[in-house]
């Protein structure tokens, strides 16, 4: 199954995000078999990220939750909240990044 995960970061945590960014990116690389797409969400291209979005392939919502708990951004306390939604592609095509 595919899931969309929407993250909201705690306000005022730009330094915390910056400090854990490289471990987080490495974690995403190591988990790219399940985290198919990952990226930050911003109000403007150069603004500090306010959260993130993942597309995850997993057998269950619980598997997604367990995976999230190992992400350095989660471990360091950056995430304020998140929402896990079932996701279905509208067209059968690859996601362009």
Protein backbone atom coordinates (compact mmCIF):
# COMPACT_ATOMS: atom_id res chain seq x y z
CA UNK A 1 0.00 0.00 0.00
CA UNK A 2 1.02 3.59 -0.54
CA UNK A 3 0.81 6.23 2.15
CA UNK A 4 1.28 10.00 2.14
CA UNK A 5 2.78 11.32 5.37
CA UNK A 6 2.49 15.04 6.10
CA UNK A 7 4.78 16.43 8.81
CA UNK A 8 4.62 19.74 10.64
CA UNK A 9 7.77 20.88 12.44
CA UNK A 10 7.76 22.62 15.79
CA UNK A 11 7.92 26.41 15.34
CA UNK A 12 11.28 28.09 15.89
CA UNK A 13 13.31 24.94 15.35
CA UNK A 14 15.35 25.93 12.29
CA UNK A 15 18.64 25.26 14.11
CA UNK A 16 17.47 21.84 15.29
CA UNK A 17 16.47 20.99 11.70
CA UNK A 18 19.82 22.19 10.33
CA UNK A 19 21.78 20.22 12.93
CA UNK A 20 20.00 16.96 12.08
CA UNK A 21 19.56 17.48 8.32
CA UNK A 22 22.49 15.35 7.12
CA UNK A 23 21.64 12.36 9.37
CA UNK A 24 18.02 12.68 8.18
CA UNK A 25 19.06 12.71 4.50
CA UNK A 26 21.29 9.68 5.07
CA UNK A 27 18.37 7.92 6.78
CA UNK A 28 16.11 8.69 3.78
CA UNK A 29 18.76 7.24 1.42
CA UNK A 30 19.00 4.08 3.53
CA UNK A 31 15.20 3.71 3.49
CA UNK A 32 14.47 4.66 -0.11
CA UNK A 33 13.05 1.20 -0.76
CA UNK A 34 10.10 2.22 1.44
CA UNK A 35 10.27 6.03 1.45
CA UNK A 36 9.74 6.52 -2.28
CA UNK A 37 9.56 10.32 -2.21
CA UNK A 38 10.62 12.69 0.58
CA UNK A 39 11.03 16.42 0.79
CA UNK A 40 10.50 19.57 2.80
CA UNK A 41 7.48 21.87 2.68
CA UNK A 42 8.05 25.65 2.65
CA UNK A 43 6.02 28.83 2.17
CA UNK A 44 8.63 30.13 -0.32
CA UNK A 45 11.51 28.33 -2.08
CA UNK A 46 14.20 29.84 0.19
CA UNK A 47 12.15 29.91 3.40
CA UNK A 48 12.91 27.68 6.37
CA UNK A 49 11.08 24.38 6.05
CA UNK A 50 7.84 24.11 8.03
CA UNK A 51 7.54 20.36 7.65
CA UNK A 52 7.76 17.63 5.08
CA UNK A 53 6.00 15.14 2.85
CA UNK A 54 6.78 11.48 2.24
CA UNK A 55 5.25 8.88 -0.04
CA UNK A 56 5.81 5.54 1.66
CA UNK A 57 5.22 1.98 0.51
CA UNK A 58 4.30 -0.20 3.49
CA UNK A 59 2.05 -3.08 4.43
CA UNK A 60 0.22 -1.07 7.11
CA UNK A 61 -0.11 2.26 8.88
CA UNK A 62 1.66 0.70 11.87
CA UNK A 63 4.67 -0.09 9.67
CA UNK A 64 4.78 3.56 8.59
CA UNK A 65 4.62 4.70 12.23
CA UNK A 66 7.43 2.34 13.22
CA UNK A 67 9.55 3.60 10.32
CA UNK A 68 8.92 7.26 11.26
CA UNK A 69 10.15 6.63 14.81
CA UNK A 70 13.63 5.81 13.49
CA UNK A 71 13.97 9.04 11.45
CA UNK A 72 16.55 11.42 13.02
CA UNK A 73 14.05 14.31 12.68
CA UNK A 74 11.58 12.36 14.81
CA UNK A 75 14.21 11.15 17.29
CA UNK A 76 15.55 14.68 17.91
CA UNK A 77 12.05 16.04 18.60
CA UNK A 78 11.69 18.27 15.51
CA UNK A 79 8.26 17.00 14.51
CA UNK A 80 5.26 18.71 16.09
CA UNK A 81 2.67 16.56 14.37
CA UNK A 82 2.09 14.25 11.43
CA UNK A 83 -0.76 12.73 9.48
CA UNK A 84 -0.65 9.37 7.72
CA UNK A 85 -3.07 9.00 4.82
CA UNK A 86 -3.66 6.22 2.34
CA UNK A 87 -2.59 7.44 -1.09
CA UNK A 88 -3.59 6.26 -4.53
CA UNK A 89 -1.96 7.58 -7.70
CA UNK A 90 -4.38 9.07 -10.21
CA UNK A 91 -2.26 8.06 -13.22
CA UNK A 92 0.05 5.12 -13.69
CA UNK A 93 3.27 7.06 -14.15
CA UNK A 94 6.54 7.59 -12.35
CA UNK A 95 6.87 10.52 -10.00
CA UNK A 96 9.28 13.08 -11.44
CA UNK A 97 11.57 14.69 -8.91
